[in-house]
Amino acid sequence: LILFGDPQSNPVIKKVLGDLPIKWTSESLLVNGKKYDADH
């Protein structure tokens, strides 16, 4: 699966996100224990 976009624009990203080791919302991104603003 080669996916582009974000969970709001790509329904496949939204679907697989729960199985990935990151948390990604329209407000923030959480990767490896660190939180980033929505511009990441």
PDB file of all heavy atoms in Angstrom:
ATOM      1  N   LEU A   1       0.855  -1.182   0.000  1.00  0.00           N
ATOM      2  CA  LEU A   1       0.000   0.000   0.000  1.00  0.00           C
ATOM      3  C   LEU A   1       0.895   1.237   0.000  1.00  0.00           C
ATOM      4  O   LEU A   1       1.621   1.478   0.956  1.00  0.00           O
ATOM      5  CB  LEU A   1      -0.901   0.010   1.238  1.00  0.00           C
ATOM      6  CG  LEU A   1      -1.833  -1.186   1.401  1.00  0.00           C
ATOM      7  CD1 LEU A   1      -2.585  -1.101   2.723  1.00  0.00           C
ATOM      8  CD2 LEU A   1      -2.794  -1.269   0.239  1.00  0.00           C
ATOM      9  N   ILE A   2       0.874   1.976  -1.078  1.00  0.00           N
ATOM     10  CA  ILE A   2       1.651   3.199  -1.197  1.00  0.00           C
ATOM     11  C   ILE A   2       0.648   4.343  -1.083  1.00  0.00           C
ATOM     12  O   ILE A   2      -0.153   4.580  -1.982  1.00  0.00           O
ATOM     13  CB  ILE A   2       2.391   3.273  -2.552  1.00  0.00           C
ATOM     14  CG1 ILE A   2       3.113   1.958  -2.860  1.00  0.00           C
ATOM     15  CG2 ILE A   2       3.324   4.473  -2.586  1.00  0.00           C
ATOM     16  CD1 ILE A   2       4.153   1.541  -1.840  1.00  0.00           C
ATOM     17  N   LEU A   3       0.685   5.045   0.059  1.00  0.00           N
ATOM     18  CA  LEU A   3      -0.380   5.988   0.412  1.00  0.00           C
ATOM     19  C   LEU A   3       0.161   7.402   0.587  1.00  0.00           C
ATOM     20  O   LEU A   3       1.231   7.605   1.160  1.00  0.00           O
ATOM     21  CB  LEU A   3      -1.043   5.536   1.715  1.00  0.00           C
ATOM     22  CG  LEU A   3      -1.516   4.074   1.746  1.00  0.00           C
ATOM     23  CD1 LEU A   3      -1.954   3.686   3.141  1.00  0.00           C
ATOM     24  CD2 LEU A   3      -2.620   3.860   0.736  1.00  0.00           C
ATOM     25  N   PHE A   4      -0.613   8.355   0.105  1.00  0.00           N
ATOM     26  CA  PHE A   4      -0.252   9.766   0.228  1.00  0.00           C
ATOM     27  C   PHE A   4      -1.408  10.522   0.855  1.00  0.00           C
ATOM     28  O   PHE A   4      -2.561  10.165   0.686  1.00  0.00           O
ATOM     29  CB  PHE A   4       0.064  10.363  -1.154  1.00  0.00           C
ATOM     30  CG  PHE A   4       1.293   9.774  -1.766  1.00  0.00           C
ATOM     31  CD1 PHE A   4       1.212   8.652  -2.571  1.00  0.00           C
ATOM     32  CD2 PHE A   4       2.537  10.320  -1.517  1.00  0.00           C
ATOM     33  CE1 PHE A   4       2.350   8.091  -3.133  1.00  0.00           C
ATOM     34  CE2 PHE A   4       3.681   9.768  -2.069  1.00  0.00           C
ATOM     35  CZ  PHE A   4       3.578   8.652  -2.882  1.00  0.00           C
ATOM     36  N   GLY A   5      -1.070  11.580   1.585  1.00  0.00           N
ATOM     37  CA  GLY A   5      -2.093  12.408   2.194  1.00  0.00           C
ATOM     38  C   GLY A   5      -2.054  12.295   3.703  1.00  0.00           C
ATOM     39  O   GLY A   5      -1.009  12.082   4.311  1.00  0.00           O
ATOM     40  N   ASP A   6      -3.233  12.429   4.300  1.00  0.00           N
ATOM     41  CA  ASP A   6      -3.379  12.341   5.750  1.00  0.00           C
ATOM     42  C   ASP A   6      -4.674  11.575   6.034  1.00  0.00           C
ATOM     43  O   ASP A   6      -5.419  11.244   5.114  1.00  0.00           O
ATOM     44  CB  ASP A   6      -3.372  13.733   6.383  1.00  0.00           C
ATOM     45  CG  ASP A   6      -4.468  14.638   5.858  1.00  0.00           C
ATOM     46  OD1 ASP A   6      -5.592  14.151   5.590  1.00  0.00           O
ATOM     47  OD2 ASP A   6      -4.225  15.850   5.721  1.00  0.00           O
ATOM     48  N   PRO A   7      -4.947  11.275   7.299  1.00  0.00           N
ATOM     49  CA  PRO A   7      -6.154  10.490   7.606  1.00  0.00           C
ATOM     50  C   PRO A   7      -7.458  11.177   7.207  1.00  0.00           C
ATOM     51  O   PRO A   7      -8.450  10.508   6.968  1.00  0.00           O
ATOM     52  CB  PRO A   7      -6.091  10.302   9.125  1.00  0.00           C
ATOM     53  CG  PRO A   7      -4.689  10.553   9.502  1.00  0.00           C
ATOM     54  CD  PRO A   7      -4.145  11.511   8.496  1.00  0.00           C
ATOM     55  N   GLN A   8      -7.446  12.493   7.095  1.00  0.00           N
ATOM     56  CA  GLN A   8      -8.659  13.208   6.717  1.00  0.00           C
ATOM     57  C   GLN A   8      -8.894  13.161   5.205  1.00  0.00           C
ATOM     58  O   GLN A   8     -10.023  13.186   4.750  1.00  0.00           O
ATOM     59  CB  GLN A   8      -8.605  14.666   7.186  1.00  0.00           C
ATOM     60  CG  GLN A   8      -8.656  14.836   8.696  1.00  0.00           C
ATOM     61  CD  GLN A   8      -7.379  14.437   9.404  1.00  0.00           C
ATOM     62  OE1 GLN A   8      -6.278  14.719   8.955  1.00  0.00           O
ATOM     63  NE2 GLN A   8      -7.511  13.743  10.520  1.00  0.00           N
ATOM     64  N   SER A   9      -7.830  13.067   4.421  1.00  0.00           N
ATOM     65  CA  SER A   9      -7.975  13.092   2.961  1.00  0.00           C
ATOM     66  C   SER A   9      -7.884  11.713   2.314  1.00  0.00           C
ATOM     67  O   SER A   9      -8.292  11.549   1.177  1.00  0.00           O
ATOM     68  CB  SER A   9      -6.902  14.002   2.340  1.00  0.00           C
ATOM     69  OG  SER A   9      -5.605  13.442   2.516  1.00  0.00           O
ATOM     70  N   ASN A  10      -7.344  10.739   3.028  1.00  0.00           N
ATOM     71  CA  ASN A  10      -7.152   9.411   2.451  1.00  0.00           C
ATOM     72  C   ASN A  10      -7.795   8.368   3.359  1.00  0.00           C
ATOM     73  O   ASN A  10      -7.272   8.069   4.439  1.00  0.00           O
ATOM     74  CB  ASN A  10      -5.661   9.128   2.270  1.00  0.00           C
ATOM     75  CG  ASN A  10      -5.399   7.846   1.526  1.00  0.00           C
ATOM     76  OD1 ASN A  10      -6.109   6.863   1.682  1.00  0.00           O
ATOM     77  ND2 ASN A  10      -4.351   7.845   0.724  1.00  0.00           N
ATOM     78  N   PRO A  11      -8.908   7.773   2.948  1.00  0.00           N
ATOM     79  CA  PRO A  11      -9.599   6.812   3.802  1.00  0.00           C
ATOM     80  C   PRO A  11      -8.802   5.539   4.074  1.00  0.00           C
ATOM     81  O   PRO A  11      -9.016   4.890   5.101  1.00  0.00           O
ATOM     82  CB  PRO A  11     -10.887   6.498   3.037  1.00  0.00           C
ATOM     83  CG  PRO A  11     -10.663   6.953   1.648  1.00  0.00           C
ATOM     84  CD  PRO A  11      -9.621   8.026   1.697  1.00  0.00           C
ATOM     85  N   VAL A  12      -7.867   5.197   3.215  1.00  0.00           N
ATOM     86  CA  VAL A  12      -7.049   4.004   3.471  1.00  0.00           C
ATOM     87  C   VAL A  12      -6.044   4.290   4.580  1.00  0.00           C
ATOM     88  O   VAL A  12      -5.815   3.447   5.453  1.00  0.00           O
ATOM     89  CB  VAL A  12      -6.365   3.494   2.188  1.00  0.00           C
ATOM     90  CG1 VAL A  12      -5.527   2.252   2.480  1.00  0.00           C
ATOM     91  CG2 VAL A  12      -7.394   3.189   1.109  1.00  0.00           C
ATOM     92  N   ILE A  13      -5.459   5.484   4.588  1.00  0.00           N
ATOM     93  CA  ILE A  13      -4.587   5.852   5.715  1.00  0.00           C
ATOM     94  C   ILE A  13      -5.389   5.806   7.005  1.00  0.00           C
ATOM     95  O   ILE A  13      -4.940   5.265   8.015  1.00  0.00           O
ATOM     96  CB  ILE A  13      -3.956   7.250   5.515  1.00  0.00           C
ATOM     97  CG1 ILE A  13      -2.927   7.217   4.390  1.00  0.00           C
ATOM     98  CG2 ILE A  13      -3.303   7.731   6.812  1.00  0.00           C
ATOM     99  CD1 ILE A  13      -2.291   8.565   4.075  1.00  0.00           C
ATOM    100  N   LYS A  14      -6.583   6.366   6.982  1.00  0.00           N
ATOM    101  CA  LYS A  14      -7.432   6.355   8.176  1.00  0.00           C
ATOM    102  C   LYS A  14      -7.684   4.922   8.649  1.00  0.00           C
ATOM    103  O   LYS A  14      -7.645   4.630   9.840  1.00  0.00           O
ATOM    104  CB  LYS A  14      -8.756   7.060   7.872  1.00  0.00           C
ATOM    105  CG  LYS A  14      -9.641   7.230   9.070  1.00  0.00           C
ATOM    106  CD  LYS A  14     -10.868   8.047   8.705  1.00  0.00           C
ATOM    107  CE  LYS A  14     -11.701   8.328   9.931  1.00  0.00           C
ATOM    108  NZ  LYS A  14     -12.830   9.206   9.632  1.00  0.00           N
ATOM    109  N   LYS A  15      -7.895   4.004   7.711  1.00  0.00           N
ATOM    110  CA  LYS A  15      -8.191   2.611   8.040  1.00  0.00           C
ATOM    111  C   LYS A  15      -6.979   1.895   8.650  1.00  0.00           C
ATOM    112  O   LYS A  15      -7.111   1.177   9.628  1.00  0.00           O
ATOM    113  CB  LYS A  15      -8.667   1.867   6.808  1.00  0.00           C
ATOM    114  CG  LYS A  15      -9.056   0.432   7.072  1.00  0.00           C
ATOM    115  CD  LYS A  15      -9.778  -0.154   5.878  1.00  0.00           C
ATOM    116  CE  LYS A  15     -10.192  -1.580   6.093  1.00  0.00           C
ATOM    117  NZ  LYS A  15     -11.119  -1.794   7.177  1.00  0.00           N
ATOM    118  N   VAL A  16      -5.775   2.080   8.098  1.00  0.00           N
ATOM    119  CA  VAL A  16      -4.598   1.348   8.577  1.00  0.00           C
ATOM    120  C   VAL A  16      -3.943   2.006   9.782  1.00  0.00           C
ATOM    121  O   VAL A  16      -3.135   1.380  10.462  1.00  0.00           O
ATOM    122  CB  VAL A  16      -3.541   1.139   7.469  1.00  0.00           C
ATOM    123  CG1 VAL A  16      -4.112   0.390   6.297  1.00  0.00           C
ATOM    124  CG2 VAL A  16      -2.902   2.434   7.046  1.00  0.00           C
ATOM    125  N   LEU A  17      -4.287   3.248  10.067  1.00  0.00           N
ATOM    126  CA  LEU A  17      -3.617   4.008  11.117  1.00  0.00           C
ATOM    127  C   LEU A  17      -3.627   3.299  12.468  1.00  0.00           C
ATOM    128  O   LEU A  17      -2.637   3.331  13.190  1.00  0.00           O
ATOM    129  CB  LEU A  17      -4.249   5.398  11.227  1.00  0.00           C
ATOM    130  CG  LEU A  17      -3.456   6.457  11.962  1.00  0.00           C
ATOM    131  CD1 LEU A  17      -2.062   6.616  11.379  1.00  0.00           C
ATOM    132  CD2 LEU A  17      -4.185   7.778  11.898  1.00  0.00           C
ATOM    133  N   GLY A  18      -4.710   2.631  12.803  1.00  0.00           N
ATOM    134  CA  GLY A  18      -4.775   1.929  14.083  1.00  0.00           C
ATOM    135  C   GLY A  18      -3.786   0.779  14.203  1.00  0.00           C
ATOM    136  O   GLY A  18      -3.484   0.323  15.302  1.00  0.00           O
ATOM    137  N   ASP A  19      -3.242   0.318  13.080  1.00  0.00           N
ATOM    138  CA  ASP A  19      -2.280  -0.779  13.074  1.00  0.00           C
ATOM    139  C   ASP A  19      -0.842  -0.293  12.923  1.00  0.00           C
ATOM    140  O   ASP A  19       0.080  -1.101  12.824  1.00  0.00           O
ATOM    141  CB  ASP A  19      -2.599  -1.748  11.925  1.00  0.00           C
ATOM    142  CG  ASP A  19      -3.923  -2.455  12.135  1.00  0.00           C
ATOM    143  OD1 ASP A  19      -4.107  -3.042  13.211  1.00  0.00           O
ATOM    144  OD2 ASP A  19      -4.769  -2.394  11.230  1.00  0.00           O
ATOM    145  N   LEU A  20      -0.645   1.001  12.893  1.00  0.00           N
ATOM    146  CA  LEU A  20       0.694   1.572  12.766  1.00  0.00           C
ATOM    147  C   LEU A  20       1.150   2.105  14.123  1.00  0.00           C
ATOM    148  O   LEU A  20       0.327   2.450  14.968  1.00  0.00           O
ATOM    149  CB  LEU A  20       0.683   2.699  11.727  1.00  0.00           C
ATOM    150  CG  LEU A  20       0.250   2.306  10.317  1.00  0.00           C
ATOM    151  CD1 LEU A  20       0.263   3.531   9.397  1.00  0.00           C
ATOM    152  CD2 LEU A  20       1.124   1.212   9.759  1.00  0.00           C
ATOM    153  N   PRO A  21       2.459   2.230  14.334  1.00  0.00           N
ATOM    154  CA  PRO A  21       2.965   2.662  15.641  1.00  0.00           C
ATOM    155  C   PRO A  21       2.983   4.177  15.820  1.00  0.00           C
ATOM    156  O   PRO A  21       3.850   4.723  16.509  1.00  0.00           O
ATOM    157  CB  PRO A  21       4.377   2.090  15.649  1.00  0.00           C
ATOM    158  CG  PRO A  21       4.794   2.150  14.221  1.00  0.00           C
ATOM    159  CD  PRO A  21       3.537   1.819  13.441  1.00  0.00           C
ATOM    160  N   ILE A  22       2.051   4.861  15.178  1.00  0.00           N
ATOM    161  CA  ILE A  22       1.954   6.317  15.310  1.00  0.00           C
ATOM    162  C   ILE A  22       0.504   6.680  15.607  1.00  0.00           C
ATOM    163  O   ILE A  22      -0.398   5.878  15.363  1.00  0.00           O
ATOM    164  CB  ILE A  22       2.424   7.043  14.028  1.00  0.00           C
ATOM    165  CG1 ILE A  22       1.530   6.688  12.828  1.00  0.00           C
ATOM    166  CG2 ILE A  22       3.885   6.742  13.739  1.00  0.00           C
ATOM    167  CD1 ILE A  22       1.818   7.478  11.567  1.00  0.00           C
ATOM    168  N   LYS A  23       0.299   7.868  16.117  1.00  0.00           N
ATOM    169  CA  LYS A  23      -1.033   8.444  16.293  1.00  0.00           C
ATOM    170  C   LYS A  23      -1.050   9.725  15.482  1.00  0.00           C
ATOM    171  O   LYS A  23      -0.155  10.562  15.611  1.00  0.00           O
ATOM    172  CB  LYS A  23      -1.321   8.764  17.762  1.00  0.00           C
ATOM    173  CG  LYS A  23      -1.205   7.588  18.693  1.00  0.00           C
ATOM    174  CD  LYS A  23      -2.387   6.684  18.575  1.00  0.00           C
ATOM    175  CE  LYS A  23      -2.313   5.583  19.606  1.00  0.00           C
ATOM    176  NZ  LYS A  23      -2.359   4.259  19.089  1.00  0.00           N
ATOM    177  N   TRP A  24      -2.091   9.877  14.629  1.00  0.00           N
ATOM    178  CA  TRP A  24      -2.110  11.020  13.719  1.00  0.00           C
ATOM    179  C   TRP A  24      -3.523  11.538  13.607  1.00  0.00           C
ATOM    180  O   TRP A  24      -4.431  10.836  13.176  1.00  0.00           O
ATOM    181  CB  TRP A  24      -1.591  10.566  12.372  1.00  0.00           C
ATOM    182  CG  TRP A  24      -1.279  11.614  11.368  1.00  0.00           C
ATOM    183  CD1 TRP A  24      -1.185  12.957  11.547  1.00  0.00           C
ATOM    184  CD2 TRP A  24      -1.000  11.383   9.987  1.00  0.00           C
ATOM    185  NE1 TRP A  24      -0.871  13.577  10.373  1.00  0.00           N
ATOM    186  CE2 TRP A  24      -0.741  12.622   9.390  1.00  0.00           C
ATOM    187  CE3 TRP A  24      -0.947  10.241   9.193  1.00  0.00           C
ATOM    188  CZ2 TRP A  24      -0.441  12.758   8.049  1.00  0.00           C
ATOM    189  CZ3 TRP A  24      -0.639  10.382   7.864  1.00  0.00           C
ATOM    190  CH2 TRP A  24      -0.382  11.617   7.300  1.00  0.00           C
ATOM    191  N   THR A  25      -3.720  12.773  14.038  1.00  0.00           N
ATOM    192  CA  THR A  25      -5.020  13.429  13.949  1.00  0.00           C
ATOM    193  C   THR A  25      -4.840  14.751  13.197  1.00  0.00           C
ATOM    194  O   THR A  25      -3.715  15.126  12.846  1.00  0.00           O
ATOM    195  CB  THR A  25      -5.605  13.717  15.345  1.00  0.00           C
ATOM    196  OG1 THR A  25      -4.798  14.725  15.978  1.00  0.00           O
ATOM    197  CG2 THR A  25      -5.661  12.464  16.210  1.00  0.00           C
ATOM    198  N   SER A  26      -5.922  15.456  13.014  1.00  0.00           N
ATOM    199  CA  SER A  26      -5.822  16.759  12.356  1.00  0.00           C
ATOM    200  C   SER A  26      -5.121  17.784  13.248  1.00  0.00           C
ATOM    201  O   SER A  26      -4.666  18.819  12.766  1.00  0.00           O
ATOM    202  CB  SER A  26      -7.201  17.270  11.958  1.00  0.00           C
ATOM    203  OG  SER A  26      -8.034  17.384  13.092  1.00  0.00           O
ATOM    204  N   GLU A  27      -4.999  17.505  14.538  1.00  0.00           N
ATOM    205  CA  GLU A  27      -4.356  18.439  15.466  1.00  0.00           C
ATOM    206  C   GLU A  27      -2.889  18.135  15.741  1.00  0.00           C
ATOM    207  O   GLU A  27      -2.117  19.040  16.073  1.00  0.00           O
ATOM    208  CB  GLU A  27      -5.093  18.464  16.814  1.00  0.00           C
ATOM    209  CG  GLU A  27      -6.472  19.063  16.759  1.00  0.00           C
ATOM    210  CD  GLU A  27      -7.522  18.047  16.334  1.00  0.00           C
ATOM    211  OE1 GLU A  27      -7.356  16.842  16.623  1.00  0.00           O
ATOM    212  OE2 GLU A  27      -8.501  18.443  15.677  1.00  0.00           O
ATOM    213  N   SER A  28      -2.491  16.851  15.663  1.00  0.00           N
ATOM    214  CA  SER A  28      -1.123  16.522  16.049  1.00  0.00           C
ATOM    215  C   SER A  28      -0.690  15.170  15.480  1.00  0.00           C
ATOM    216  O   SER A  28      -1.498  14.398  14.966  1.00  0.00           O
ATOM    217  CB  SER A  28      -0.988  16.494  17.572  1.00  0.00           C
ATOM    218  OG  SER A  28      -1.754  15.433  18.115  1.00  0.00           O
ATOM    219  N   LEU A  29       0.601  14.920  15.627  1.00  0.00           N
ATOM    220  CA  LEU A  29       1.226  13.671  15.210  1.00  0.00           C
ATOM    221  C   LEU A  29       2.077  13.185  16.369  1.00  0.00           C
ATOM    222  O   LEU A  29       2.862  13.948  16.926  1.00  0.00           O
ATOM    223  CB  LEU A  29       2.094  13.927  13.967  1.00  0.00           C
ATOM    224  CG  LEU A  29       2.970  12.788  13.480  1.00  0.00           C
ATOM    225  CD1 LEU A  29       2.112  11.624  12.979  1.00  0.00           C
ATOM    226  CD2 LEU A  29       3.904  13.274  12.378  1.00  0.00           C
ATOM    227  N   LEU A  30       1.917  11.910  16.749  1.00  0.00           N
ATOM    228  CA  LEU A  30       2.712  11.322  17.819  1.00  0.00           C
ATOM    229  C   LEU A  30       3.546  10.203  17.214  1.00  0.00           C
ATOM    230  O   LEU A  30       3.003   9.221  16.687  1.00  0.00           O
ATOM    231  CB  LEU A  30       1.812  10.772  18.926  1.00  0.00           C
ATOM    232  CG  LEU A  30       2.513  10.160  20.127  1.00  0.00           C
ATOM    233  CD1 LEU A  30       3.288  11.221  20.909  1.00  0.00           C
ATOM    234  CD2 LEU A  30       1.509   9.475  21.036  1.00  0.00           C
ATOM    235  N   VAL A  31       4.866  10.381  17.258  1.00  0.00           N
ATOM    236  CA  VAL A  31       5.805   9.408  16.691  1.00  0.00           C
ATOM    237  C   VAL A  31       6.917   9.169  17.699  1.00  0.00           C
ATOM    238  O   VAL A  31       7.547  10.120  18.170  1.00  0.00           O
ATOM    239  CB  VAL A  31       6.404   9.913  15.362  1.00  0.00           C
ATOM    240  CG1 VAL A  31       7.433   8.930  14.830  1.00  0.00           C
ATOM    241  CG2 VAL A  31       5.321  10.153  14.327  1.00  0.00           C
ATOM    242  N   ASN A  32       7.139   7.903  18.028  1.00  0.00           N
ATOM    243  CA  ASN A  32       8.219   7.513  18.941  1.00  0.00           C
ATOM    244  C   ASN A  32       8.161   8.283  20.263  1.00  0.00           C
ATOM    245  O   ASN A  32       9.169   8.732  20.783  1.00  0.00           O
ATOM    246  CB  ASN A  32       9.579   7.699  18.256  1.00  0.00           C
ATOM    247  CG  ASN A  32      10.695   6.958  18.956  1.00  0.00           C
ATOM    248  OD1 ASN A  32      10.466   6.029  19.729  1.00  0.00           O
ATOM    249  ND2 ASN A  32      11.922   7.362  18.693  1.00  0.00           N
ATOM    250  N   GLY A  33       6.954   8.471  20.770  1.00  0.00           N
ATOM    251  CA  GLY A  33       6.764   9.128  22.055  1.00  0.00           C
ATOM    252  C   GLY A  33       6.840  10.641  22.027  1.00  0.00           C
ATOM    253  O   GLY A  33       6.704  11.281  23.060  1.00  0.00           O
ATOM    254  N   LYS A  34       7.049  11.228  20.867  1.00  0.00           N
ATOM    255  CA  LYS A  34       7.146  12.684  20.777  1.00  0.00           C
ATOM    256  C   LYS A  34       5.968  13.225  19.983  1.00  0.00           C
ATOM    257  O   LYS A  34       5.609  12.711  18.941  1.00  0.00           O
ATOM    258  CB  LYS A  34       8.456  13.096  20.115  1.00  0.00           C
ATOM    259  CG  LYS A  34       8.640  14.591  20.107  1.00  0.00           C
ATOM    260  CD  LYS A  34      10.036  15.008  19.763  1.00  0.00           C
ATOM    261  CE  LYS A  34      10.083  16.532  19.830  1.00  0.00           C
ATOM    262  NZ  LYS A  34      11.303  17.072  19.349  1.00  0.00           N
ATOM    263  N   LYS A  35       5.380  14.312  20.496  1.00  0.00           N
ATOM    264  CA  LYS A  35       4.226  14.936  19.867  1.00  0.00           C
ATOM    265  C   LYS A  35       4.673  16.108  19.001  1.00  0.00           C
ATOM    266  O   LYS A  35       5.484  16.927  19.422  1.00  0.00           O
ATOM    267  CB  LYS A  35       3.250  15.415  20.949  1.00  0.00           C
ATOM    268  CG  LYS A  35       1.923  15.883  20.414  1.00  0.00           C
ATOM    269  CD  LYS A  35       0.988  16.217  21.572  1.00  0.00           C
ATOM    270  CE  LYS A  35      -0.369  16.626  21.075  1.00  0.00           C
ATOM    271  NZ  LYS A  35      -1.281  16.914  22.190  1.00  0.00           N
ATOM    272  N   TYR A  36       4.101  16.169  17.797  1.00  0.00           N
ATOM    273  CA  TYR A  36       4.399  17.231  16.839  1.00  0.00           C
ATOM    274  C   TYR A  36       3.110  17.961  16.481  1.00  0.00           C
ATOM    275  O   TYR A  36       2.036  17.370  16.480  1.00  0.00           O
ATOM    276  CB  TYR A  36       5.023  16.648  15.569  1.00  0.00           C
ATOM    277  CG  TYR A  36       6.316  15.919  15.822  1.00  0.00           C
ATOM    278  CD1 TYR A  36       6.319  14.559  16.107  1.00  0.00           C
ATOM    279  CD2 TYR A  36       7.534  16.581  15.785  1.00  0.00           C
ATOM    280  CE1 TYR A  36       7.508  13.873  16.349  1.00  0.00           C
ATOM    281  CE2 TYR A  36       8.732  15.913  16.024  1.00  0.00           C
ATOM    282  CZ  TYR A  36       8.707  14.553  16.307  1.00  0.00           C
ATOM    283  OH  TYR A  36       9.880  13.893  16.547  1.00  0.00           O
ATOM    284  N   ASP A  37       3.239  19.227  16.124  1.00  0.00           N
ATOM    285  CA  ASP A  37       2.085  20.019  15.698  1.00  0.00           C
ATOM    286  C   ASP A  37       1.535  19.508  14.372  1.00  0.00           C
ATOM    287  O   ASP A  37       2.177  18.730  13.667  1.00  0.00           O
ATOM    288  CB  ASP A  37       2.481  21.493  15.554  1.00  0.00           C
ATOM    289  CG  ASP A  37       2.836  22.131  16.886  1.00  0.00           C
ATOM    290  OD1 ASP A  37       2.322  21.674  17.927  1.00  0.00           O
ATOM    291  OD2 ASP A  37       3.633  23.090  16.877  1.00  0.00           O
ATOM    292  N   ALA A  38       0.385  20.002  13.998  1.00  0.00           N
ATOM    293  CA  ALA A  38      -0.319  19.562  12.791  1.00  0.00           C
ATOM    294  C   ALA A  38       0.424  19.901  11.501  1.00  0.00           C
ATOM    295  O   ALA A  38       0.072  19.378  10.449  1.00  0.00           O
ATOM    296  CB  ALA A  38      -1.716  20.171  12.759  1.00  0.00           C
ATOM    297  N   ASP A  39       1.450  20.730  11.559  1.00  0.00           N
ATOM    298  CA  ASP A  39       2.207  21.042  10.347  1.00  0.00           C
ATOM    299  C   ASP A  39       3.331  20.030  10.087  1.00  0.00           C
ATOM    300  O   ASP A  39       4.232  20.268   9.301  1.00  0.00           O
ATOM    301  CB  ASP A  39       2.759  22.470  10.384  1.00  0.00           C
ATOM    302  CG  ASP A  39       3.688  22.729  11.550  1.00  0.00           C
ATOM    303  OD1 ASP A  39       3.764  21.890  12.482  1.00  0.00           O
ATOM    304  OD2 ASP A  39       4.340  23.788  11.561  1.00  0.00           O
ATOM    305  N   HIS A  40       3.247  18.872  10.743  1.00  0.00           N
ATOM    306  CA  HIS A  40       4.197  17.783  10.554  1.00  0.00           C
ATOM    307  C   HIS A  40       3.474  16.567   9.987  1.00  0.00           C
ATOM    308  O   HIS A  40       2.309  16.331  10.309  1.00  0.00           O
ATOM    309  CB  HIS A  40       4.839  17.399  11.885  1.00  0.00           C
ATOM    310  CG  HIS A  40       5.721  18.459  12.449  1.00  0.00           C
ATOM    311  ND1 HIS A  40       5.227  19.618  13.008  1.00  0.00           N
ATOM    312  CD2 HIS A  40       7.067  18.552  12.535  1.00  0.00           C
ATOM    313  CE1 HIS A  40       6.237  20.367  13.435  1.00  0.00           C
ATOM    314  NE2 HIS A  40       7.360  19.741  13.145  1.00  0.00           N
TER     315      HIS A  40
END
